[in-house]
Amino acid sequence: MSDNNPILNKVAASGIITLDLEEMYPQGERVVLDLKPLLWQEVALKEDDLRDFCKAHDWAHYKGKFVAVHCSADAIIPTWAFMLVATYLQPHAAFVTQGDADQLERAIFTRFVQQLDIGPYQQARVVVKGCSKLPIPLNAYVELSAKLLPVVKSLMFGEPCSTVLLYKAPKV
């Protein structure tokens, strides 16, 4: 190629915005607080035992962490028990939900997508990057698509050089 005919990067010149969930991955340690050790005979949770645990437990250990409250045993756990634990976690944890590690990750991304500023994507051609080394849950992609759809000109999945078209706004 001569200087008169430089190589053009058509992807860069296309105006496509790449949205990489991996770059936006919510940072922070993930912790599952399992209620199983608090069970009476691995069958049920006693209120007094849970209240004693809550009073004595070092909740500062969860400072800034993403926490899910879970019971890994098939036991009778009343709804209020999860709520009580959440009241102790809330002043310390960055985020609190109910569920196992997978449910925690899904909830983190649901919140992230809900809080995402879609202003930069108004009338834009957007590619949601598909390859990720981090465990981005499928619901993040689904919820992101639903959130972006009303504002984007087009929505694609993959890499800017090789995409799958998901949506193209009708011409007005």
N, C-alpha and C. Protein backbone atom coordinates (compact mmCIF):
# COMPACT_ATOMS: atom_id res chain seq x y z
N MET A 1 0.84 -1.19 0.00
CA MET A 1 0.00 0.00 0.00
C MET A 1 0.88 1.25 0.00
N SER A 2 0.46 2.19 -0.77
CA SER A 2 1.20 3.45 -0.81
C SER A 2 0.59 4.43 0.18
N ASP A 3 1.28 5.54 0.41
CA ASP A 3 0.79 6.58 1.32
C ASP A 3 -0.48 7.23 0.78
N ASN A 4 -0.70 7.14 -0.52
CA ASN A 4 -1.89 7.74 -1.12
C ASN A 4 -3.15 6.91 -0.81
N ASN A 5 -2.98 5.64 -0.55
CA ASN A 5 -4.10 4.74 -0.27
C ASN A 5 -3.88 4.04 1.08
N PRO A 6 -4.07 4.76 2.19
CA PRO A 6 -3.84 4.12 3.49
C PRO A 6 -4.88 3.03 3.76
N ILE A 7 -4.48 2.09 4.60
CA ILE A 7 -5.41 1.02 4.99
C ILE A 7 -6.43 1.62 5.95
N LEU A 8 -7.69 1.40 5.64
CA LEU A 8 -8.77 1.93 6.48
C LEU A 8 -9.30 0.84 7.40
N ASN A 9 -9.51 1.20 8.63
CA ASN A 9 -10.15 0.29 9.58
C ASN A 9 -11.65 0.56 9.51
N LYS A 10 -12.34 -0.26 8.72
CA LYS A 10 -13.77 -0.04 8.50
C LYS A 10 -14.58 -0.21 9.78
N VAL A 11 -14.14 -1.09 10.66
CA VAL A 11 -14.84 -1.28 11.93
C VAL A 11 -14.76 -0.01 12.76
N ALA A 12 -13.56 0.57 12.87
CA ALA A 12 -13.39 1.80 13.65
C ALA A 12 -14.17 2.96 13.05
N ALA A 13 -14.23 3.00 11.72
CA ALA A 13 -14.91 4.10 11.04
C ALA A 13 -16.43 3.93 11.01
N SER A 14 -16.93 2.78 11.41
CA SER A 14 -18.37 2.49 11.29
C SER A 14 -19.23 3.19 12.33
N GLY A 15 -18.62 3.68 13.41
CA GLY A 15 -19.39 4.32 14.47
C GLY A 15 -20.05 3.33 15.41
N ILE A 16 -19.69 2.09 15.31
CA ILE A 16 -20.26 1.06 16.19
C ILE A 16 -19.66 1.22 17.58
N ILE A 17 -20.52 1.16 18.59
CA ILE A 17 -20.08 1.19 19.99
C ILE A 17 -20.06 -0.24 20.50
N THR A 18 -18.92 -0.66 21.03
CA THR A 18 -18.82 -1.99 21.61
C THR A 18 -19.08 -1.89 23.10
N LEU A 19 -20.03 -2.64 23.57
CA LEU A 19 -20.36 -2.68 24.99
C LEU A 19 -19.85 -4.01 25.52
N ASP A 20 -18.83 -3.96 26.35
CA ASP A 20 -18.19 -5.16 26.88
C ASP A 20 -18.55 -5.31 28.35
N LEU A 21 -19.42 -6.28 28.63
CA LEU A 21 -19.84 -6.50 30.02
C LEU A 21 -18.66 -6.88 30.91
N GLU A 22 -17.65 -7.49 30.34
CA GLU A 22 -16.48 -7.86 31.13
C GLU A 22 -15.76 -6.61 31.65
N GLU A 23 -15.71 -5.55 30.84
CA GLU A 23 -15.08 -4.31 31.28
C GLU A 23 -15.91 -3.63 32.36
N MET A 24 -17.20 -3.91 32.38
CA MET A 24 -18.11 -3.29 33.34
C MET A 24 -18.42 -4.22 34.51
N TYR A 25 -17.73 -5.34 34.57
CA TYR A 25 -17.98 -6.35 35.59
C TYR A 25 -17.92 -5.74 36.99
N PRO A 26 -19.00 -5.85 37.74
CA PRO A 26 -18.98 -5.29 39.11
C PRO A 26 -17.91 -5.95 39.97
N GLN A 27 -16.95 -5.14 40.40
CA GLN A 27 -15.83 -5.65 41.19
C GLN A 27 -16.23 -5.81 42.65
N GLY A 28 -15.75 -6.83 43.27
CA GLY A 28 -16.00 -7.07 44.68
C GLY A 28 -16.09 -8.56 44.95
N GLU A 29 -15.73 -8.92 46.16
CA GLU A 29 -15.77 -10.32 46.55
C GLU A 29 -17.20 -10.79 46.70
N ARG A 30 -17.44 -12.01 46.22
CA ARG A 30 -18.75 -12.64 46.34
C ARG A 30 -18.70 -13.64 47.49
N VAL A 31 -19.74 -13.62 48.34
CA VAL A 31 -19.80 -14.50 49.51
C VAL A 31 -21.21 -15.07 49.63
N VAL A 32 -21.29 -16.37 49.89
CA VAL A 32 -22.57 -17.00 50.19
C VAL A 32 -22.58 -17.35 51.68
N LEU A 33 -23.53 -16.77 52.40
CA LEU A 33 -23.69 -17.05 53.82
C LEU A 33 -24.69 -18.19 53.94
N ASP A 34 -24.19 -19.37 54.29
CA ASP A 34 -25.01 -20.58 54.37
C ASP A 34 -25.58 -20.73 55.78
N LEU A 35 -26.89 -20.87 55.86
CA LEU A 35 -27.56 -21.02 57.15
C LEU A 35 -27.54 -22.47 57.66
N LYS A 36 -27.06 -23.40 56.87
CA LYS A 36 -27.08 -24.82 57.25
C LYS A 36 -26.44 -25.09 58.62
N PRO A 37 -25.30 -24.48 58.96
CA PRO A 37 -24.71 -24.77 60.28
C PRO A 37 -25.58 -24.32 61.46
N LEU A 38 -26.56 -23.48 61.20
CA LEU A 38 -27.43 -23.00 62.27
C LEU A 38 -28.67 -23.87 62.49
N LEU A 39 -28.84 -24.87 61.67
CA LEU A 39 -30.05 -25.69 61.73
C LEU A 39 -30.06 -26.61 62.95
N TRP A 40 -31.24 -26.83 63.43
CA TRP A 40 -31.47 -27.81 64.49
C TRP A 40 -31.70 -29.15 63.81
N GLN A 41 -30.84 -30.11 64.08
CA GLN A 41 -30.89 -31.46 63.50
C GLN A 41 -30.98 -31.44 61.97
N GLU A 42 -30.39 -30.42 61.37
CA GLU A 42 -30.36 -30.24 59.92
C GLU A 42 -31.75 -30.27 59.27
N VAL A 43 -32.77 -29.88 60.06
CA VAL A 43 -34.14 -29.92 59.57
C VAL A 43 -34.82 -28.55 59.62
N ALA A 44 -34.60 -27.84 60.70
CA ALA A 44 -35.33 -26.58 60.90
C ALA A 44 -34.43 -25.55 61.58
N LEU A 45 -34.82 -24.32 61.43
CA LEU A 45 -34.10 -23.22 62.04
C LEU A 45 -34.91 -22.73 63.24
N LYS A 46 -34.24 -22.64 64.38
CA LYS A 46 -34.91 -22.13 65.58
C LYS A 46 -34.65 -20.63 65.68
N GLU A 47 -35.69 -19.90 66.00
CA GLU A 47 -35.57 -18.45 66.07
C GLU A 47 -34.52 -18.00 67.08
N ASP A 48 -34.53 -18.57 68.27
CA ASP A 48 -33.57 -18.15 69.30
C ASP A 48 -32.13 -18.38 68.85
N ASP A 49 -31.88 -19.53 68.20
CA ASP A 49 -30.54 -19.83 67.71
C ASP A 49 -30.08 -18.82 66.66
N LEU A 50 -30.99 -18.48 65.77
CA LEU A 50 -30.64 -17.50 64.73
C LEU A 50 -30.38 -16.13 65.34
N ARG A 51 -31.22 -15.72 66.27
CA ARG A 51 -31.02 -14.41 66.91
C ARG A 51 -29.71 -14.36 67.69
N ASP A 52 -29.38 -15.45 68.38
CA ASP A 52 -28.10 -15.51 69.10
C ASP A 52 -26.93 -15.41 68.12
N PHE A 53 -27.02 -16.14 67.01
CA PHE A 53 -25.98 -16.08 65.99
C PHE A 53 -25.82 -14.65 65.47
N CYS A 54 -26.93 -14.01 65.15
CA CYS A 54 -26.90 -12.65 64.60
C CYS A 54 -26.26 -11.66 65.56
N LYS A 55 -26.55 -11.81 66.84
CA LYS A 55 -25.98 -10.90 67.84
C LYS A 55 -24.48 -11.12 68.02
N ALA A 56 -24.04 -12.36 67.92
CA ALA A 56 -22.64 -12.69 68.20
C ALA A 56 -21.73 -12.63 66.96
N HIS A 57 -22.30 -12.73 65.77
CA HIS A 57 -21.51 -12.83 64.53
C HIS A 57 -20.80 -11.51 64.22
N ASP A 58 -19.61 -11.59 63.65
CA ASP A 58 -18.85 -10.41 63.23
C ASP A 58 -19.27 -10.03 61.81
N TRP A 59 -20.24 -9.15 61.71
CA TRP A 59 -20.80 -8.75 60.42
C TRP A 59 -19.85 -7.86 59.64
N ALA A 60 -18.89 -7.25 60.30
CA ALA A 60 -17.92 -6.40 59.61
C ALA A 60 -17.11 -7.19 58.58
N HIS A 61 -17.07 -8.51 58.74
CA HIS A 61 -16.37 -9.40 57.80
C HIS A 61 -16.93 -9.25 56.38
N TYR A 62 -18.16 -8.77 56.24
CA TYR A 62 -18.82 -8.67 54.95
C TYR A 62 -18.70 -7.27 54.33
N LYS A 63 -17.91 -6.41 54.93
CA LYS A 63 -17.78 -5.02 54.48
C LYS A 63 -17.40 -4.97 53.00
N GLY A 64 -18.24 -4.30 52.22
CA GLY A 64 -17.97 -4.10 50.80
C GLY A 64 -18.16 -5.31 49.92
N LYS A 65 -18.64 -6.41 50.45
CA LYS A 65 -18.79 -7.64 49.67
C LYS A 65 -20.21 -7.79 49.13
N PHE A 66 -20.32 -8.60 48.07
CA PHE A 66 -21.61 -8.98 47.53
C PHE A 66 -22.00 -10.28 48.24
N VAL A 67 -23.14 -10.28 48.93
CA VAL A 67 -23.49 -11.41 49.79
C VAL A 67 -24.86 -11.99 49.43
N ALA A 68 -24.91 -13.31 49.37
CA ALA A 68 -26.18 -14.03 49.21
C ALA A 68 -26.40 -14.86 50.47
N VAL A 69 -27.62 -14.84 50.97
CA VAL A 69 -28.00 -15.66 52.11
C VAL A 69 -28.69 -16.90 51.56
N HIS A 70 -28.23 -18.05 52.01
CA HIS A 70 -28.66 -19.31 51.40
C HIS A 70 -28.70 -20.39 52.47
N CYS A 71 -29.44 -21.45 52.18
CA CYS A 71 -29.37 -22.64 53.01
C CYS A 71 -29.16 -23.82 52.08
N SER A 72 -28.01 -24.48 52.22
CA SER A 72 -27.66 -25.58 51.32
C SER A 72 -28.35 -26.89 51.71
N ALA A 73 -29.03 -26.91 52.84
CA ALA A 73 -29.77 -28.11 53.25
C ALA A 73 -31.24 -27.95 52.87
N ASP A 74 -31.88 -29.07 52.65
CA ASP A 74 -33.31 -29.06 52.38
C ASP A 74 -34.01 -28.97 53.73
N ALA A 75 -34.22 -27.74 54.19
CA ALA A 75 -34.74 -27.52 55.54
C ALA A 75 -35.85 -26.49 55.52
N ILE A 76 -36.53 -26.41 56.64
CA ILE A 76 -37.61 -25.44 56.80
C ILE A 76 -37.00 -24.13 57.29
N ILE A 77 -36.95 -23.15 56.40
CA ILE A 77 -36.40 -21.83 56.74
C ILE A 77 -37.51 -20.81 56.48
N PRO A 78 -38.00 -20.15 57.51
CA PRO A 78 -39.05 -19.15 57.28
C PRO A 78 -38.49 -17.91 56.58
N THR A 79 -39.34 -17.24 55.87
CA THR A 79 -38.96 -16.04 55.12
C THR A 79 -38.31 -15.00 56.02
N TRP A 80 -38.87 -14.82 57.21
CA TRP A 80 -38.35 -13.78 58.11
C TRP A 80 -36.89 -14.03 58.48
N ALA A 81 -36.44 -15.28 58.44
CA ALA A 81 -35.06 -15.61 58.81
C ALA A 81 -34.08 -14.97 57.82
N PHE A 82 -34.39 -15.09 56.53
CA PHE A 82 -33.54 -14.45 55.52
C PHE A 82 -33.57 -12.93 55.68
N MET A 83 -34.75 -12.42 55.99
CA MET A 83 -34.89 -10.97 56.18
C MET A 83 -34.10 -10.50 57.39
N LEU A 84 -34.12 -11.27 58.48
CA LEU A 84 -33.38 -10.90 59.69
C LEU A 84 -31.87 -10.84 59.39
N VAL A 85 -31.37 -11.85 58.72
CA VAL A 85 -29.95 -11.86 58.38
C VAL A 85 -29.61 -10.66 57.49
N ALA A 86 -30.49 -10.34 56.57
CA ALA A 86 -30.26 -9.18 55.68
C ALA A 86 -30.17 -7.88 56.48
N THR A 87 -30.94 -7.77 57.56
CA THR A 87 -30.88 -6.54 58.36
C THR A 87 -29.52 -6.37 59.04
N TYR A 88 -28.87 -7.47 59.33
CA TYR A 88 -27.53 -7.40 59.91
C TYR A 88 -26.46 -7.17 58.85
N LEU A 89 -26.68 -7.72 57.66
CA LEU A 89 -25.71 -7.57 56.57
C LEU A 89 -25.73 -6.19 55.94
N GLN A 90 -26.91 -5.61 55.81
CA GLN A 90 -27.10 -4.39 55.04
C GLN A 90 -26.15 -3.25 55.41
N PRO A 91 -25.88 -2.99 56.68
CA PRO A 91 -24.97 -1.88 56.99
C PRO A 91 -23.52 -2.11 56.55
N HIS A 92 -23.18 -3.35 56.22
CA HIS A 92 -21.79 -3.70 55.91
C HIS A 92 -21.57 -4.07 54.45
N ALA A 93 -22.44 -4.89 53.90
CA ALA A 93 -22.26 -5.45 52.56
C ALA A 93 -22.55 -4.41 51.48
N ALA A 94 -21.91 -4.58 50.33
CA ALA A 94 -22.17 -3.72 49.18
C ALA A 94 -23.52 -4.08 48.55
N PHE A 95 -23.91 -5.35 48.69
CA PHE A 95 -25.13 -5.85 48.06
C PHE A 95 -25.55 -7.11 48.80
N VAL A 96 -26.85 -7.25 49.02
CA VAL A 96 -27.39 -8.43 49.72
C VAL A 96 -28.56 -8.99 48.93
N THR A 97 -28.58 -10.30 48.77
CA THR A 97 -29.70 -10.98 48.12
C THR A 97 -29.85 -12.36 48.73
N GLN A 98 -30.83 -13.10 48.27
CA GLN A 98 -31.05 -14.47 48.73
C GLN A 98 -30.71 -15.39 47.58
N GLY A 99 -30.02 -16.47 47.87
CA GLY A 99 -29.73 -17.46 46.84
C GLY A 99 -28.33 -18.03 46.96
N ASP A 100 -28.01 -18.90 46.00
CA ASP A 100 -26.68 -19.51 45.97
C ASP A 100 -25.74 -18.62 45.16
N ALA A 101 -24.55 -19.12 44.87
CA ALA A 101 -23.54 -18.30 44.17
C ALA A 101 -24.02 -17.88 42.77
N ASP A 102 -24.67 -18.78 42.04
CA ASP A 102 -25.17 -18.43 40.71
C ASP A 102 -26.27 -17.38 40.80
N GLN A 103 -27.16 -17.54 41.75
CA GLN A 103 -28.24 -16.57 41.92
C GLN A 103 -27.68 -15.21 42.35
N LEU A 104 -26.62 -15.22 43.14
CA LEU A 104 -25.96 -13.98 43.55
C LEU A 104 -25.44 -13.24 42.32
N GLU A 105 -24.74 -13.96 41.47
CA GLU A 105 -24.17 -13.34 40.27
C GLU A 105 -25.26 -12.77 39.38
N ARG A 106 -26.34 -13.51 39.23
CA ARG A 106 -27.47 -13.03 38.42
C ARG A 106 -28.05 -11.74 39.02
N ALA A 107 -28.22 -11.73 40.34
CA ALA A 107 -28.80 -10.55 41.01
C ALA A 107 -27.88 -9.34 40.89
N ILE A 108 -26.58 -9.55 41.00
CA ILE A 108 -25.62 -8.46 40.85
C ILE A 108 -25.76 -7.83 39.47
N PHE A 109 -25.83 -8.67 38.45
CA PHE A 109 -25.93 -8.14 37.09
C PHE A 109 -27.29 -7.52 36.80
N THR A 110 -28.34 -8.05 37.40
CA THR A 110 -29.66 -7.43 37.24
C THR A 110 -29.60 -6.00 37.76
N ARG A 111 -29.04 -5.83 38.94
CA ARG A 111 -28.92 -4.49 39.51
C ARG A 111 -28.03 -3.60 38.66
N PHE A 112 -26.93 -4.15 38.17
CA PHE A 112 -26.01 -3.40 37.33
C PHE A 112 -26.71 -2.90 36.07
N VAL A 113 -27.44 -3.78 35.40
CA VAL A 113 -28.13 -3.39 34.17
C VAL A 113 -29.21 -2.36 34.47
N GLN A 114 -29.92 -2.52 35.57
CA GLN A 114 -30.95 -1.54 35.94
C GLN A 114 -30.35 -0.15 36.14
N GLN A 115 -29.13 -0.09 36.66
CA GLN A 115 -28.49 1.20 36.95
C GLN A 115 -27.68 1.75 35.79
N LEU A 116 -27.53 0.99 34.73
CA LEU A 116 -26.72 1.41 33.58
C LEU A 116 -27.31 2.64 32.91
N ASP A 117 -26.47 3.63 32.68
CA ASP A 117 -26.87 4.85 31.97
C ASP A 117 -26.90 4.52 30.48
N ILE A 118 -28.10 4.55 29.89
CA ILE A 118 -28.20 4.21 28.47
C ILE A 118 -28.07 5.44 27.56
N GLY A 119 -27.85 6.60 28.16
CA GLY A 119 -27.68 7.83 27.39
C GLY A 119 -26.65 7.72 26.27
N PRO A 120 -25.47 7.16 26.54
CA PRO A 120 -24.45 7.08 25.49
C PRO A 120 -24.84 6.18 24.31
N TYR A 121 -25.89 5.40 24.46
CA TYR A 121 -26.28 4.45 23.42
C TYR A 121 -27.48 4.93 22.60
N GLN A 122 -27.96 6.15 22.88
CA GLN A 122 -29.10 6.71 22.14
C GLN A 122 -28.78 6.75 20.65
N GLN A 123 -29.64 6.15 19.85
CA GLN A 123 -29.51 6.12 18.39
C GLN A 123 -28.15 5.61 17.91
N ALA A 124 -27.53 4.76 18.69
CA ALA A 124 -26.22 4.22 18.34
C ALA A 124 -26.34 2.82 17.77
N ARG A 125 -25.31 2.44 17.07
CA ARG A 125 -25.16 1.05 16.61
C ARG A 125 -24.30 0.38 17.67
N VAL A 126 -24.88 -0.59 18.38
CA VAL A 126 -24.22 -1.19 19.55
C VAL A 126 -23.98 -2.67 19.33
N VAL A 127 -22.75 -3.07 19.63
CA VAL A 127 -22.39 -4.49 19.65
C VAL A 127 -22.13 -4.86 21.10
N VAL A 128 -22.86 -5.85 21.59
CA VAL A 128 -22.59 -6.40 22.92
C VAL A 128 -21.57 -7.49 22.70
N LYS A 129 -20.38 -7.29 23.27
CA LYS A 129 -19.27 -8.23 23.07
C LYS A 129 -19.63 -9.58 23.65
N GLY A 130 -19.30 -10.62 22.91
CA GLY A 130 -19.72 -11.96 23.27
C GLY A 130 -18.73 -12.78 24.06
N CYS A 131 -17.45 -12.62 23.82
CA CYS A 131 -16.46 -13.45 24.50
C CYS A 131 -16.10 -12.83 25.84
N SER A 132 -16.02 -13.67 26.85
CA SER A 132 -15.70 -13.16 28.18
C SER A 132 -14.94 -14.21 28.97
N LYS A 133 -13.95 -13.74 29.72
CA LYS A 133 -13.20 -14.64 30.60
C LYS A 133 -13.86 -14.72 31.98
N LEU A 134 -14.69 -13.73 32.28
CA LEU A 134 -15.36 -13.67 33.58
C LEU A 134 -16.74 -14.32 33.48
N PRO A 135 -17.27 -14.78 34.61
CA PRO A 135 -18.57 -15.49 34.59
C PRO A 135 -19.76 -14.54 34.48
N ILE A 136 -20.00 -14.04 33.29
CA ILE A 136 -21.14 -13.14 33.07
C ILE A 136 -22.37 -14.02 32.84
N PRO A 137 -23.38 -13.89 33.68
CA PRO A 137 -24.55 -14.76 33.53
C PRO A 137 -25.40 -14.37 32.31
N LEU A 138 -26.07 -15.36 31.76
CA LEU A 138 -26.90 -15.16 30.58
C LEU A 138 -27.95 -14.08 30.80
N ASN A 139 -28.52 -14.01 32.00
CA ASN A 139 -29.55 -13.00 32.25
C ASN A 139 -29.04 -11.58 32.02
N ALA A 140 -27.74 -11.36 32.22
CA ALA A 140 -27.18 -10.02 32.00
C ALA A 140 -27.33 -9.61 30.54
N TYR A 141 -27.09 -10.54 29.63
CA TYR A 141 -27.23 -10.24 28.21
C TYR A 141 -28.69 -10.01 27.84
N VAL A 142 -29.57 -10.83 28.39
CA VAL A 142 -31.00 -10.70 28.09
C VAL A 142 -31.54 -9.37 28.62
N GLU A 143 -31.24 -9.05 29.88
CA GLU A 143 -31.73 -7.81 30.48
C GLU A 143 -31.11 -6.58 29.82
N LEU A 144 -29.86 -6.69 29.42
CA LEU A 144 -29.20 -5.58 28.72
C LEU A 144 -29.88 -5.33 27.37
N SER A 145 -30.20 -6.39 26.66
CA SER A 145 -30.89 -6.26 25.37
C SER A 145 -32.22 -5.55 25.54
N ALA A 146 -32.98 -5.96 26.53
CA ALA A 146 -34.29 -5.34 26.78
C ALA A 146 -34.15 -3.87 27.14
N LYS A 147 -33.11 -3.53 27.88
CA LYS A 147 -32.92 -2.14 28.29
C LYS A 147 -32.47 -1.26 27.12
N LEU A 148 -31.61 -1.80 26.26
CA LEU A 148 -31.07 -1.01 25.15
C LEU A 148 -32.04 -0.88 23.98
N LEU A 149 -32.88 -1.85 23.77
CA LEU A 149 -33.74 -1.89 22.59
C LEU A 149 -34.51 -0.60 22.32
N PRO A 150 -35.12 0.03 23.32
CA PRO A 150 -35.88 1.25 23.02
C PRO A 150 -35.04 2.44 22.55
N VAL A 151 -33.73 2.40 22.74
CA VAL A 151 -32.92 3.59 22.43
C VAL A 151 -31.91 3.41 21.31
N VAL A 152 -31.54 2.19 20.98
CA VAL A 152 -30.48 1.99 19.99
C VAL A 152 -31.00 2.02 18.55
N LYS A 153 -30.08 2.33 17.66
CA LYS A 153 -30.38 2.28 16.22
C LYS A 153 -30.31 0.83 15.75
N SER A 154 -29.30 0.11 16.27
CA SER A 154 -29.20 -1.32 16.00
C SER A 154 -28.49 -1.99 17.17
N LEU A 155 -28.79 -3.25 17.35
CA LEU A 155 -28.20 -4.04 18.43
C LEU A 155 -27.67 -5.33 17.83
N MET A 156 -26.39 -5.58 18.14
CA MET A 156 -25.72 -6.77 17.62
C MET A 156 -25.02 -7.50 18.76
N PHE A 157 -24.66 -8.74 18.50
CA PHE A 157 -23.93 -9.54 19.47
C PHE A 157 -22.71 -10.11 18.79
N GLY A 158 -21.60 -10.18 19.50
CA GLY A 158 -20.38 -10.78 18.98
C GLY A 158 -19.21 -9.84 19.09
N GLU A 159 -18.47 -9.75 18.02
CA GLU A 159 -17.32 -8.85 17.92
C GLU A 159 -17.62 -7.89 16.76
N PRO A 160 -17.10 -6.65 16.81
CA PRO A 160 -17.41 -5.69 15.74
C PRO A 160 -17.13 -6.22 14.33
N CYS A 161 -16.15 -7.11 14.19
CA CYS A 161 -15.81 -7.62 12.86
C CYS A 161 -16.68 -8.82 12.46
N SER A 162 -17.41 -9.38 13.41
CA SER A 162 -18.24 -10.56 13.15
C SER A 162 -19.40 -10.56 14.12
N THR A 163 -20.54 -10.03 13.68
CA THR A 163 -21.67 -9.87 14.60
C THR A 163 -22.91 -10.61 14.11
N VAL A 164 -23.80 -10.80 15.05
CA VAL A 164 -25.14 -11.31 14.75
C VAL A 164 -26.08 -10.13 15.00
N LEU A 165 -26.81 -9.74 13.97
CA LEU A 165 -27.76 -8.64 14.12
C LEU A 165 -28.96 -9.13 14.93
N LEU A 166 -29.28 -8.42 16.02
CA LEU A 166 -30.40 -8.78 16.85
C LEU A 166 -31.61 -7.87 16.60
N TYR A 167 -31.31 -6.60 16.31
CA TYR A 167 -32.39 -5.62 16.17
C TYR A 167 -31.91 -4.46 15.32
N LYS A 168 -32.80 -3.98 14.47
CA LYS A 168 -32.53 -2.79 13.70
C LYS A 168 -33.79 -1.93 13.76
N ALA A 169 -33.63 -0.70 14.24
CA ALA A 169 -34.77 0.20 14.37
C ALA A 169 -35.36 0.49 13.00
N PRO A 170 -36.68 0.55 12.94
CA PRO A 170 -37.30 0.89 11.65
C PRO A 170 -36.95 2.32 11.24
N LYS A 171 -36.80 2.53 9.95
CA LYS A 171 -36.50 3.88 9.45
C LYS A 171 -37.77 4.72 9.54
N VAL A 172 -37.60 5.91 10.04
CA VAL A 172 -38.74 6.80 10.21
C VAL A 172 -38.79 7.81 9.10
